PDB file of N, CA and C in Angstrom:
ATOM      1  N   MET A   1     138.271  22.870 174.039  1.00  0.00           N
ATOM      2  CA  MET A   1     138.924  23.732 173.385  1.00  0.00           C
ATOM      3  C   MET A   1     137.847  24.311 172.257  1.00  0.00           C
ATOM      4  N   LYS A   2     137.770  25.729 172.015  1.00  0.00           N
ATOM      5  CA  LYS A   2     136.877  26.057 171.048  1.00  0.00           C
ATOM      6  C   LYS A   2     137.364  26.103 169.495  1.00  0.00           C
ATOM      7  N   PHE A   3     136.522  25.682 168.673  1.00  0.00           N
ATOM      8  CA  PHE A   3     136.712  25.887 167.471  1.00  0.00           C
ATOM      9  C   PHE A   3     137.609  27.131 166.931  1.00  0.00           C
ATOM     10  N   LYS A   4     138.652  26.876 166.479  1.00  0.00           N
ATOM     11  CA  LYS A   4     139.312  28.053 165.834  1.00  0.00           C
ATOM     12  C   LYS A   4     139.443  28.211 164.506  1.00  0.00           C
ATOM     13  N   THR A   5     139.644  29.308 163.955  1.00  0.00           N
ATOM     14  CA  THR A   5     139.878  29.480 162.531  1.00  0.00           C
ATOM     15  C   THR A   5     140.627  30.672 162.070  1.00  0.00           C
ATOM     16  N   ALA A   6     141.092  30.840 160.861  1.00  0.00           N
ATOM     17  CA  ALA A   6     141.960  31.967 160.473  1.00  0.00           C
ATOM     18  C   ALA A   6     141.185  33.381 160.673  1.00  0.00           C
ATOM     19  N   LYS A   7     142.179  34.417 160.916  1.00  0.00           N
ATOM     20  CA  LYS A   7     141.626  35.719 161.415  1.00  0.00           C
ATOM     21  C   LYS A   7     140.866  36.107 160.366  1.00  0.00           C
ATOM     22  N   ILE A   8     141.084  36.038 159.104  1.00  0.00           N
ATOM     23  CA  ILE A   8     140.482  36.463 157.885  1.00  0.00           C
ATOM     24  C   ILE A   8     139.291  35.949 157.706  1.00  0.00           C
ATOM     25  N   ASN A   9     139.093  34.618 157.923  1.00  0.00           N
ATOM     26  CA  ASN A   9     137.922  33.950 157.670  1.00  0.00           C
ATOM     27  C   ASN A   9     137.020  34.396 158.870  1.00  0.00           C
ATOM     28  N   ALA A  10     137.622  34.488 160.173  1.00  0.00           N
ATOM     29  CA  ALA A  10     136.641  35.094 161.264  1.00  0.00           C
ATOM     30  C   ALA A  10     135.839  36.569 161.046  1.00  0.00           C
ATOM     31  N   PHE A  11     136.839  37.296 160.277  1.00  0.00           N
ATOM     32  CA  PHE A  11     136.178  38.700 159.872  1.00  0.00           C
ATOM     33  C   PHE A  11     135.256  38.341 158.804  1.00  0.00           C
ATOM     34  N   ARG A  12     135.447  37.631 157.873  1.00  0.00           N
ATOM     35  CA  ARG A  12     134.447  37.124 157.088  1.00  0.00           C
ATOM     36  C   ARG A  12     132.897  36.480 157.332  1.00  0.00           C
ATOM     37  N   THR A  13     133.135  35.903 158.695  1.00  0.00           N
ATOM     38  CA  THR A  13     132.040  35.134 159.161  1.00  0.00           C
ATOM     39  C   THR A  13     131.269  36.460 159.886  1.00  0.00           C
ATOM     40  N   TRP A  14     131.883  37.239 160.628  1.00  0.00           N
ATOM     41  CA  TRP A  14     131.003  38.423 160.979  1.00  0.00           C
ATOM     42  C   TRP A  14     130.511  39.157 160.115  1.00  0.00           C
ATOM     43  N   GLY A  15     131.177  39.486 158.879  1.00  0.00           N
ATOM     44  CA  GLY A  15     130.489  40.297 158.069  1.00  0.00           C
ATOM     45  C   GLY A  15     128.967  39.528 157.572  1.00  0.00           C
ATOM     46  N   LEU A  16     129.159  38.258 157.026  1.00  0.00           N
ATOM     47  CA  LEU A  16     127.989  37.172 156.705  1.00  0.00           C
ATOM     48  C   LEU A  16     127.040  37.277 157.603  1.00  0.00           C
ATOM     49  N   LEU A  17     127.405  37.220 159.246  1.00  0.00           N
ATOM     50  CA  LEU A  17     126.498  37.238 160.043  1.00  0.00           C
ATOM     51  C   LEU A  17     125.318  38.588 160.162  1.00  0.00           C
ATOM     52  N   LEU A  18     126.193  39.516 159.839  1.00  0.00           N
ATOM     53  CA  LEU A  18     125.663  40.881 159.770  1.00  0.00           C
ATOM     54  C   LEU A  18     124.551  41.096 158.474  1.00  0.00           C
ATOM     55  N   THR A  19     125.074  40.806 157.547  1.00  0.00           N
ATOM     56  CA  THR A  19     124.453  40.684 156.300  1.00  0.00           C
ATOM     57  C   THR A  19     123.130  39.901 156.448  1.00  0.00           C
ATOM     58  N   MET A  20     123.114  38.866 156.950  1.00  0.00           N
ATOM     59  CA  MET A  20     121.757  38.108 157.511  1.00  0.00           C
ATOM     60  C   MET A  20     120.925  38.712 158.266  1.00  0.00           C
ATOM     61  N   LEU A  21     121.600  39.292 159.314  1.00  0.00           N
ATOM     62  CA  LEU A  21     120.690  40.054 160.485  1.00  0.00           C
ATOM     63  C   LEU A  21     120.070  41.261 159.912  1.00  0.00           C
ATOM     64  N   GLY A  22     120.963  41.949 158.835  1.00  0.00           N
ATOM     65  CA  GLY A  22     120.518  42.919 158.396  1.00  0.00           C
ATOM     66  C   GLY A  22     119.420  42.541 157.251  1.00  0.00           C
ATOM     67  N   MET A  23     119.499  41.636 156.332  1.00  0.00           N
ATOM     68  CA  MET A  23     118.417  40.989 155.604  1.00  0.00           C
ATOM     69  C   MET A  23     117.171  40.490 156.165  1.00  0.00           C
ATOM     70  N   GLY A  24     117.296  40.085 157.474  1.00  0.00           N
ATOM     71  CA  GLY A  24     116.427  39.330 158.477  1.00  0.00           C
ATOM     72  C   GLY A  24     115.537  40.577 159.057  1.00  0.00           C
ATOM     73  N   LEU A  25     116.343  41.251 159.432  1.00  0.00           N
ATOM     74  CA  LEU A  25     115.336  42.630 160.018  1.00  0.00           C
ATOM     75  C   LEU A  25     114.497  43.564 158.854  1.00  0.00           C
ATOM     76  N   MET A  26     114.977  43.597 157.851  1.00  0.00           N
ATOM     77  CA  MET A  26     114.305  44.503 156.774  1.00  0.00           C
ATOM     78  C   MET A  26     113.073  43.526 156.517  1.00  0.00           C
ATOM     79  N   VAL A  27     113.371  42.262 156.331  1.00  0.00           N
ATOM     80  CA  VAL A  27     112.093  41.150 156.067  1.00  0.00           C
ATOM     81  C   VAL A  27     111.037  41.385 157.023  1.00  0.00           C
ATOM     82  N   LEU A  28     111.540  41.038 158.310  1.00  0.00           N
ATOM     83  CA  LEU A  28     110.447  41.259 159.364  1.00  0.00           C
ATOM     84  C   LEU A  28     110.114  42.659 159.130  1.00  0.00           C
ATOM     85  N   GLY A  29     110.727  43.613 159.043  1.00  0.00           N
ATOM     86  CA  GLY A  29     110.057  45.038 159.313  1.00  0.00           C
ATOM     87  C   GLY A  29     109.146  44.987 158.322  1.00  0.00           C
ATOM     88  N   THR A  30     109.168  44.981 157.170  1.00  0.00           N
ATOM     89  CA  THR A  30     108.282  44.558 156.199  1.00  0.00           C
ATOM     90  C   THR A  30     107.253  43.910 156.138  1.00  0.00           C
ATOM     91  N   ALA A  31     107.061  42.871 156.925  1.00  0.00           N
ATOM     92  CA  ALA A  31     106.027  41.733 156.963  1.00  0.00           C
ATOM     93  C   ALA A  31     105.209  42.565 158.459  1.00  0.00           C
ATOM     94  N   GLY A  32     105.809  43.470 158.754  1.00  0.00           N
ATOM     95  CA  GLY A  32     104.980  44.118 160.276  1.00  0.00           C
ATOM     96  C   GLY A  32     103.923  44.801 159.206  1.00  0.00           C
ATOM     97  N   ILE A  33     104.084  45.271 157.967  1.00  0.00           N
ATOM     98  CA  ILE A  33     102.692  45.677 157.408  1.00  0.00           C
ATOM     99  C   ILE A  33     101.775  44.802 157.035  1.00  0.00           C
ATOM    100  N   VAL A  34     102.204  43.751 156.424  1.00  0.00           N
ATOM    101  CA  VAL A  34     101.267  42.673 156.282  1.00  0.00           C
ATOM    102  C   VAL A  34     100.439  42.269 157.327  1.00  0.00           C
ATOM    103  N   PHE A  35     101.218  42.072 158.734  1.00  0.00           N
ATOM    104  CA  PHE A  35     100.610  41.648 160.065  1.00  0.00           C
ATOM    105  C   PHE A  35      99.487  42.549 160.501  1.00  0.00           C
ATOM    106  N   TRP A  36      99.973  43.979 160.562  1.00  0.00           N
ATOM    107  CA  TRP A  36      99.354  45.206 161.335  1.00  0.00           C
ATOM    108  C   TRP A  36      98.773  46.202 160.492  1.00  0.00           C
ATOM    109  N   GLY A  37      98.904  46.091 159.119  1.00  0.00           N
ATOM    110  CA  GLY A  37      98.459  47.023 158.232  1.00  0.00           C
ATOM    111  C   GLY A  37      98.879  48.532 158.071  1.00  0.00           C
ATOM    112  N   SER A  38      98.514  49.365 158.266  1.00  0.00           N
ATOM    113  CA  SER A  38      99.191  50.934 158.327  1.00  0.00           C
ATOM    114  C   SER A  38      99.629  51.039 159.744  1.00  0.00           C
ATOM    115  N   THR A  39      99.277  50.557 160.781  1.00  0.00           N
ATOM    116  CA  THR A  39     100.292  50.688 161.690  1.00  0.00           C
ATOM    117  C   THR A  39     101.743  49.838 161.998  1.00  0.00           C
ATOM    118  N   GLY A  40     101.687  49.055 161.248  1.00  0.00           N
ATOM    119  CA  GLY A  40     102.745  48.222 160.717  1.00  0.00           C
ATOM    120  C   GLY A  40     104.198  49.076 160.279  1.00  0.00           C
ATOM    121  N   LYS A  41     103.640  50.378 159.558  1.00  0.00           N
ATOM    122  CA  LYS A  41     104.619  50.746 158.740  1.00  0.00           C
ATOM    123  C   LYS A  41     105.605  51.319 159.595  1.00  0.00           C
ATOM    124  N   VAL A  42     105.292  51.842 160.918  1.00  0.00           N
ATOM    125  CA  VAL A  42     106.457  52.192 162.052  1.00  0.00           C
ATOM    126  C   VAL A  42     107.538  51.091 162.039  1.00  0.00           C
ATOM    127  N   PHE A  43     106.952  49.820 162.366  1.00  0.00           N
ATOM    128  CA  PHE A  43     107.850  48.858 162.502  1.00  0.00           C
ATOM    129  C   PHE A  43     108.603  48.466 161.079  1.00  0.00           C
ATOM    130  N   ALA A  44     108.101  48.811 160.058  1.00  0.00           N
ATOM    131  CA  ALA A  44     108.640  48.524 158.795  1.00  0.00           C
ATOM    132  C   ALA A  44     109.936  49.469 158.700  1.00  0.00           C
ATOM    133  N   GLY A  45     109.341  50.828 158.902  1.00  0.00           N
ATOM    134  CA  GLY A  45     110.477  51.896 158.896  1.00  0.00           C
ATOM    135  C   GLY A  45     111.702  51.442 159.750  1.00  0.00           C
ATOM    136  N   ILE A  46     111.482  51.073 161.115  1.00  0.00           N
ATOM    137  CA  ILE A  46     112.527  50.615 161.991  1.00  0.00           C
ATOM    138  C   ILE A  46     113.372  49.855 161.480  1.00  0.00           C
ATOM    139  N   GLY A  47     112.828  48.818 161.115  1.00  0.00           N
ATOM    140  CA  GLY A  47     113.376  47.432 160.785  1.00  0.00           C
ATOM    141  C   GLY A  47     114.311  47.825 159.339  1.00  0.00           C
ATOM    142  N   LEU A  48     113.557  48.465 158.552  1.00  0.00           N
ATOM    143  CA  LEU A  48     114.545  48.991 157.183  1.00  0.00           C
ATOM    144  C   LEU A  48     115.881  49.897 157.733  1.00  0.00           C
ATOM    145  N   VAL A  49     115.544  50.486 158.408  1.00  0.00           N
ATOM    146  CA  VAL A  49     116.528  51.691 158.769  1.00  0.00           C
ATOM    147  C   VAL A  49     117.660  50.708 159.576  1.00  0.00           C
ATOM    148  N   ILE A  50     117.410  49.910 160.758  1.00  0.00           N
ATOM    149  CA  ILE A  50     118.303  49.091 161.596  1.00  0.00           C
ATOM    150  C   ILE A  50     119.101  48.119 160.373  1.00  0.00           C
ATOM    151  N   GLY A  51     118.305  47.364 159.559  1.00  0.00           N
ATOM    152  CA  GLY A  51     118.871  46.659 158.556  1.00  0.00           C
ATOM    153  C   GLY A  51     119.738  47.171 157.859  1.00  0.00           C
ATOM    154  N   LEU A  52     119.200  48.228 157.291  1.00  0.00           N
ATOM    155  CA  LEU A  52     120.224  49.102 156.439  1.00  0.00           C
ATOM    156  C   LEU A  52     121.539  49.606 157.168  1.00  0.00           C
ATOM    157  N   ILE A  53     121.602  49.725 158.194  1.00  0.00           N
ATOM    158  CA  ILE A  53     122.835  50.022 159.006  1.00  0.00           C
ATOM    159  C   ILE A  53     123.581  48.669 159.197  1.00  0.00           C
ATOM    160  N   SER A  54     122.997  47.699 159.471  1.00  0.00           N
ATOM    161  CA  SER A  54     123.555  46.413 159.531  1.00  0.00           C
ATOM    162  C   SER A  54     124.300  45.982 158.312  1.00  0.00           C
ATOM    163  N   MET A  55     123.583  46.158 157.208  1.00  0.00           N
ATOM    164  CA  MET A  55     124.189  46.138 155.887  1.00  0.00           C
ATOM    165  C   MET A  55     125.296  46.832 155.566  1.00  0.00           C
ATOM    166  N   MET A  56     125.471  48.096 155.965  1.00  0.00           N
ATOM    167  CA  MET A  56     126.443  48.983 155.678  1.00  0.00           C
ATOM    168  C   MET A  56     127.750  48.407 156.129  1.00  0.00           C
ATOM    169  N   ALA A  57     127.115  48.102 157.749  1.00  0.00           N
ATOM    170  CA  ALA A  57     128.585  47.654 158.548  1.00  0.00           C
ATOM    171  C   ALA A  57     129.037  46.541 158.284  1.00  0.00           C
ATOM    172  N   SER A  58     128.515  45.622 157.380  1.00  0.00           N
ATOM    173  CA  SER A  58     128.555  44.291 156.855  1.00  0.00           C
ATOM    174  C   SER A  58     129.714  44.662 155.623  1.00  0.00           C
ATOM    175  N   LEU A  59     129.256  45.825 154.837  1.00  0.00           N
ATOM    176  CA  LEU A  59     130.091  46.044 153.680  1.00  0.00           C
ATOM    177  C   LEU A  59     131.182  46.691 154.449  1.00  0.00           C
ATOM    178  N   ALA A  60     131.540  47.333 155.277  1.00  0.00           N
ATOM    179  CA  ALA A  60     132.761  47.933 156.225  1.00  0.00           C
ATOM    180  C   ALA A  60     133.689  46.638 156.239  1.00  0.00           C
ATOM    181  N   ILE A  61     132.972  45.838 156.975  1.00  0.00           N
ATOM    182  CA  ILE A  61     133.768  44.382 157.226  1.00  0.00           C
ATOM    183  C   ILE A  61     134.479  43.894 156.104  1.00  0.00           C
ATOM    184  N   TYR A  62     133.384  43.729 155.173  1.00  0.00           N
ATOM    185  CA  TYR A  62     134.063  42.579 154.208  1.00  0.00           C
ATOM    186  C   TYR A  62     134.807  43.582 153.489  1.00  0.00           C
ATOM    187  N   PHE A  63     134.896  45.104 153.048  1.00  0.00           N
ATOM    188  CA  PHE A  63     135.896  45.606 152.776  1.00  0.00           C
ATOM    189  C   PHE A  63     137.462  45.891 153.370  1.00  0.00           C
ATOM    190  N   TRP A  64     137.162  45.766 154.715  1.00  0.00           N
ATOM    191  CA  TRP A  64     138.374  45.860 155.623  1.00  0.00           C
ATOM    192  C   TRP A  64     139.055  44.617 155.411  1.00  0.00           C
ATOM    193  N   ALA A  65     138.348  43.283 155.310  1.00  0.00           N
ATOM    194  CA  ALA A  65     139.005  42.021 155.412  1.00  0.00           C
ATOM    195  C   ALA A  65     139.434  41.484 154.016  1.00  0.00           C
ATOM    196  N   GLY A  66     139.048  42.459 152.992  1.00  0.00           N
ATOM    197  CA  GLY A  66     139.732  42.275 151.822  1.00  0.00           C
ATOM    198  C   GLY A  66     140.955  43.267 151.480  1.00  0.00           C
ATOM    199  N   MET A  67     140.959  44.421 152.275  1.00  0.00           N
ATOM    200  CA  MET A  67     142.396  45.204 152.305  1.00  0.00           C
ATOM    201  C   MET A  67     143.268  44.481 153.201  1.00  0.00           C
ATOM    202  N   LEU A  68     143.081  43.616 154.416  1.00  0.00           N
ATOM    203  CA  LEU A  68     143.832  42.961 155.002  1.00  0.00           C
ATOM    204  C   LEU A  68     144.220  41.685 154.348  1.00  0.00           C
ATOM    205  N   SER A  69     143.577  41.329 153.558  1.00  0.00           N
ATOM    206  CA  SER A  69     143.926  40.002 152.684  1.00  0.00           C
ATOM    207  C   SER A  69     144.717  40.581 151.663  1.00  0.00           C
ATOM    208  N   THR A  70     145.067  41.544 151.082  1.00  0.00           N
ATOM    209  CA  THR A  70     145.732  41.796 150.081  1.00  0.00           C
ATOM    210  C   THR A  70     146.987  41.994 150.721  1.00  0.00           C
ATOM    211  N   SER A  71     147.288  42.715 151.966  1.00  0.00           N
ATOM    212  CA  SER A  71     148.550  42.710 152.314  1.00  0.00           C
ATOM    213  C   SER A  71     149.151  41.288 153.516  1.00  0.00           C
ATOM    214  N   ALA A  72     148.052  40.140 153.390  1.00  0.00           N
ATOM    215  CA  ALA A  72     148.747  39.554 154.242  1.00  0.00           C
ATOM    216  C   ALA A  72     149.645  38.588 153.604  1.00  0.00           C
ATOM    217  N   VAL A  73     150.533  37.923 154.675  1.00  0.00           N
ATOM    218  CA  VAL A  73     151.689  37.077 154.188  1.00  0.00           C
ATOM    219  C   VAL A  73     150.846  35.826 153.550  1.00  0.00           C
ATOM    220  N   GLN A  74     151.604  35.403 152.346  1.00  0.00           N
ATOM    221  CA  GLN A  74     151.151  34.278 151.676  1.00  0.00           C
ATOM    222  C   GLN A  74     152.071  32.751 151.769  1.00  0.00           C
ATOM    223  N   LEU A  75     151.848  31.872 152.538  1.00  0.00           N
ATOM    224  CA  LEU A  75     152.596  30.871 152.894  1.00  0.00           C
ATOM    225  C   LEU A  75     152.244  29.358 152.669  1.00  0.00           C
ATOM    226  N   GLU A  76     153.015  28.349 152.523  1.00  0.00           N
ATOM    227  CA  GLU A  76     152.482  26.969 152.255  1.00  0.00           C
ATOM    228  C   GLU A  76     152.158  26.398 153.706  1.00  0.00           C
ATOM    229  N   CYS A  77     151.033  25.919 154.119  1.00  0.00           N
ATOM    230  CA  CYS A  77     150.683  25.190 155.065  1.00  0.00           C
ATOM    231  C   CYS A  77     151.519  23.764 155.307  1.00  0.00           C
ATOM    232  N   PRO A  78     152.397  23.465 156.590  1.00  0.00           N
ATOM    233  CA  PRO A  78     152.901  22.460 156.407  1.00  0.00           C
ATOM    234  C   PRO A  78     152.449  21.358 156.810  1.00  0.00           C
ATOM    235  N   GLU A  79     151.122  21.309 157.138  1.00  0.00           N
ATOM    236  CA  GLU A  79     150.326  20.143 157.238  1.00  0.00           C
ATOM    237  C   GLU A  79     149.773  19.649 156.045  1.00  0.00           C
ATOM    238  N   CYS A  80     148.667  20.729 155.210  1.00  0.00           N
ATOM    239  CA  CYS A  80     147.941  20.200 154.326  1.00  0.00           C
ATOM    240  C   CYS A  80     148.438  20.548 152.705  1.00  0.00           C
ATOM    241  N   HIS A  81     149.722  21.290 153.045  1.00  0.00           N
ATOM    242  CA  HIS A  81     150.392  21.801 151.876  1.00  0.00           C
ATOM    243  C   HIS A  81     149.931  22.678 150.887  1.00  0.00           C
ATOM    244  N   LYS A  82     148.586  23.413 151.641  1.00  0.00           N
ATOM    245  CA  LYS A  82     147.970  24.494 150.467  1.00  0.00           C
ATOM    246  C   LYS A  82     148.348  26.192 150.991  1.00  0.00           C
ATOM    247  N   LEU A  83     148.285  26.571 149.737  1.00  0.00           N
ATOM    248  CA  LEU A  83     148.779  28.057 150.076  1.00  0.00           C
ATOM    249  C   LEU A  83     147.812  28.708 150.926  1.00  0.00           C
ATOM    250  N   THR A  84     148.105  29.690 151.998  1.00  0.00           N
ATOM    251  CA  THR A  84     147.337  30.104 152.913  1.00  0.00           C
ATOM    252  C   THR A  84     147.655  31.281 153.269  1.00  0.00           C
ATOM    253  N   LYS A  85     147.127  32.396 153.929  1.00  0.00           N
ATOM    254  CA  LYS A  85     147.185  33.802 154.227  1.00  0.00           C
ATOM    255  C   LYS A  85     147.564  33.700 155.698  1.00  0.00           C
ATOM    256  N   MET A  86     148.230  34.699 156.582  1.00  0.00           N
ATOM    257  CA  MET A  86     148.643  34.673 157.717  1.00  0.00           C
ATOM    258  C   MET A  86     148.676  36.222 158.067  1.00  0.00           C
ATOM    259  N   LEU A  87     147.691  36.835 158.956  1.00  0.00           N
ATOM    260  CA  LEU A  87     147.797  37.841 159.783  1.00  0.00           C
ATOM    261  C   LEU A  87     148.724  37.813 161.014  1.00  0.00           C
ATOM    262  N   GLY A  88     149.479  38.795 161.445  1.00  0.00           N
ATOM    263  CA  GLY A  88     150.133  38.751 162.457  1.00  0.00           C
ATOM    264  C   GLY A  88     151.442  37.707 162.880  1.00  0.00           C
ATOM    265  N   LYS A  89     151.711  37.455 164.055  1.00  0.00           N
ATOM    266  CA  LYS A  89     152.583  36.540 164.202  1.00  0.00           C
ATOM    267  C   LYS A  89     152.318  35.181 164.436  1.00  0.00           C
ATOM    268  N   THR A  90     150.956  34.958 164.788  1.00  0.00           N
ATOM    269  CA  THR A  90     150.494  33.765 164.968  1.00  0.00           C
ATOM    270  C   THR A  90     149.049  33.768 164.052  1.00  0.00           C
ATOM    271  N   ASP A  91     148.863  32.580 163.480  1.00  0.00           N
ATOM    272  CA  ASP A  91     147.446  32.532 162.777  1.00  0.00           C
ATOM    273  C   ASP A  91     147.019  31.079 162.407  1.00  0.00           C
ATOM    274  N   ARG A  92     146.120  30.812 161.953  1.00  0.00           N
ATOM    275  CA  ARG A  92     145.599  29.530 161.702  1.00  0.00           C
ATOM    276  C   ARG A  92     145.763  29.360 160.039  1.00  0.00           C
ATOM    277  N   CYS A  93     145.962  27.717 159.550  1.00  0.00           N
ATOM    278  CA  CYS A  93     145.600  27.422 158.574  1.00  0.00           C
ATOM    279  C   CYS A  93     144.058  27.923 157.838  1.00  0.00           C
ATOM    280  N   MET A  94     143.781  28.369 156.940  1.00  0.00           N
ATOM    281  CA  MET A  94     142.304  28.581 156.569  1.00  0.00           C
ATOM    282  C   MET A  94     141.745  27.095 156.180  1.00  0.00           C
ATOM    283  N   PHE A  95     142.781  26.022 155.765  1.00  0.00           N
ATOM    284  CA  PHE A  95     141.783  24.943 155.297  1.00  0.00           C
ATOM    285  C   PHE A  95     142.073  23.746 156.619  1.00  0.00           C
ATOM    286  N   CYS A  96     142.861  23.788 157.208  1.00  0.00           N
ATOM    287  CA  CYS A  96     143.109  22.428 158.214  1.00  0.00           C
ATOM    288  C   CYS A  96     143.326  22.857 159.683  1.00  0.00           C
ATOM    289  N   HIS A  97     143.278  24.208 159.706  1.00  0.00           N
ATOM    290  CA  HIS A  97     143.237  25.157 161.122  1.00  0.00           C
ATOM    291  C   HIS A  97     144.578  24.848 162.007  1.00  0.00           C
ATOM    292  N   THR A  98     145.886  24.357 161.185  1.00  0.00           N
ATOM    293  CA  THR A  98     146.872  24.335 161.800  1.00  0.00           C
ATOM    294  C   THR A  98     147.484  25.508 162.239  1.00  0.00           C
ATOM    295  N   ILE A  99     147.889  25.623 163.818  1.00  0.00           N
ATOM    296  CA  ILE A  99     148.747  27.104 164.138  1.00  0.00           C
ATOM    297  C   ILE A  99     149.895  27.119 163.324  1.00  0.00           C
ATOM    298  N   LEU A 100     149.862  28.423 162.767  1.00  0.00           N
ATOM    299  CA  LEU A 100     150.928  28.851 161.871  1.00  0.00           C
ATOM    300  C   LEU A 100     151.716  30.068 162.670  1.00  0.00           C
ATOM    301  N   THR A 101     153.035  30.351 162.465  1.00  0.00           N
ATOM    302  CA  THR A 101     153.757  31.385 163.118  1.00  0.00           C
ATOM    303  C   THR A 101     154.889  31.691 162.318  1.00  0.00           C
ATOM    304  N   MET A 102     155.396  33.025 162.390  1.00  0.00           N
ATOM    305  CA  MET A 102     156.392  33.782 161.678  1.00  0.00           C
ATOM    306  C   MET A 102     157.637  33.979 162.922  1.00  0.00           C
ATOM    307  N   ASP A 103     157.113  33.942 164.082  1.00  0.00           N
ATOM    308  CA  ASP A 103     157.903  33.987 165.184  1.00  0.00           C
ATOM    309  C   ASP A 103     158.942  32.823 165.791  1.00  0.00           C
ATOM    310  N   PRO A 104     160.040  33.057 165.536  1.00  0.00           N
ATOM    311  CA  PRO A 104     161.098  31.835 166.093  1.00  0.00           C
ATOM    312  C   PRO A 104     160.940  31.064 167.231  1.00  0.00           C
ATOM    313  N   ALA A 105     160.355  32.384 168.194  1.00  0.00           N
ATOM    314  CA  ALA A 105     160.247  32.156 169.532  1.00  0.00           C
ATOM    315  C   ALA A 105     159.447  31.153 169.892  1.00  0.00           C
ATOM    316  N   ALA A 106     158.016  31.165 168.947  1.00  0.00           N
ATOM    317  CA  ALA A 106     157.145  30.344 169.329  1.00  0.00           C
ATOM    318  C   ALA A 106     156.973  29.179 168.384  1.00  0.00           C
ATOM    319  N   ALA A 107     157.642  28.733 167.660  1.00  0.00           N
ATOM    320  CA  ALA A 107     157.790  27.995 166.493  1.00  0.00           C
ATOM    321  C   ALA A 107     157.962  26.642 167.209  1.00  0.00           C
ATOM    322  N   ASN A 108     157.503  25.546 166.632  1.00  0.00           N
ATOM    323  CA  ASN A 108     157.802  23.934 167.489  1.00  0.00           C
ATOM    324  C   ASN A 108     157.105  23.699 168.961  1.00  0.00           C
ATOM    325  N   ILE A 109     156.114  24.484 169.201  1.00  0.00           N
ATOM    326  CA  ILE A 109     155.676  24.318 170.645  1.00  0.00           C
ATOM    327  C   ILE A 109     154.017  23.515 170.063  1.00  0.00           C
ATOM    328  N   THR A 110     153.631  23.072 171.324  1.00  0.00           N
ATOM    329  CA  THR A 110     152.231  22.713 171.181  1.00  0.00           C
ATOM    330  C   THR A 110     151.238  23.711 171.612  1.00  0.00           C
ATOM    331  N   ALA A 111     149.894  23.593 171.033  1.00  0.00           N
ATOM    332  CA  ALA A 111     148.744  24.659 171.393  1.00  0.00           C
ATOM    333  C   ALA A 111     148.765  25.208 172.844  1.00  0.00           C
ATOM    334  N   GLU A 112     149.015  23.934 173.493  1.00  0.00           N
ATOM    335  CA  GLU A 112     148.796  24.590 175.226  1.00  0.00           C
ATOM    336  C   GLU A 112     149.870  25.368 175.621  1.00  0.00           C
ATOM    337  N   GLN A 113     151.182  24.988 174.944  1.00  0.00           N
ATOM    338  CA  GLN A 113     152.145  25.684 175.410  1.00  0.00           C
ATOM    339  C   GLN A 113     152.253  27.393 174.835  1.00  0.00           C
ATOM    340  N   LEU A 114     151.714  27.328 173.665  1.00  0.00           N
ATOM    341  CA  LEU A 114     151.409  28.819 172.990  1.00  0.00           C
ATOM    342  C   LEU A 114     150.496  29.332 173.892  1.00  0.00           C
ATOM    343  N   LYS A 115     149.428  28.720 174.215  1.00  0.00           N
ATOM    344  CA  LYS A 115     148.333  29.590 175.098  1.00  0.00           C
ATOM    345  C   LYS A 115     148.771  30.058 176.087  1.00  0.00           C
ATOM    346  N   SER A 116     149.467  29.043 177.171  1.00  0.00           N
ATOM    347  CA  SER A 116     149.854  29.633 178.396  1.00  0.00           C
ATOM    348  C   SER A 116     150.984  30.789 178.148  1.00  0.00           C
ATOM    349  N   GLN A 117     151.880  30.783 176.932  1.00  0.00           N
ATOM    350  CA  GLN A 117     152.652  32.027 176.585  1.00  0.00           C
ATOM    351  C   GLN A 117     152.354  33.097 176.590  1.00  0.00           C
ATOM    352  N   GLN A 118     151.097  33.000 175.686  1.00  0.00           N
ATOM    353  CA  GLN A 118     150.213  34.056 175.303  1.00  0.00           C
ATOM    354  C   GLN A 118     149.792  34.954 176.693  1.00  0.00           C
ATOM    355  N   LEU A 119     149.041  34.083 177.619  1.00  0.00           N
ATOM    356  CA  LEU A 119     148.466  34.448 178.736  1.00  0.00           C
ATOM    357  C   LEU A 119     149.534  35.154 179.507  1.00  0.00           C
ATOM    358  N   ASN A 120     150.945  34.464 179.699  1.00  0.00           N
ATOM    359  CA  ASN A 120     152.198  35.064 180.482  1.00  0.00           C
ATOM    360  C   ASN A 120     152.343  36.911 180.214  1.00  0.00           C
ATOM    361  N   HIS A 121     151.975  37.079 178.647  1.00  0.00           N
ATOM    362  CA  HIS A 121     152.473  38.049 178.184  1.00  0.00           C
ATOM    363  C   HIS A 121     151.461  39.204 178.422  1.00  0.00           C
TER     364      HIS A 121
END
């Protein structure tokens, strides 16, 4: 079984990956000047532009996750008793990754039963 996390944390992880990718491309593009001199300016320009686009996409994802977080339902996790946020009908606890649901039809079932129920719909 894959390691699952809360939906909001997944969005934030993608934002962080895009930030790291953008910064890496910018640094590697600028390093092109060091390695290839004046001909590396083309690589620097390409790296900086693609890195900037990646950073802007990261900004958009972080903004979107923040807006989702403000409207998310807050509830107490039945396992770890910490306050967590939930998006949609089912989500996972941000801390202990317990499956949470607000849907009475999906409550009190195992993860395998929930997965098979989602595949049938």
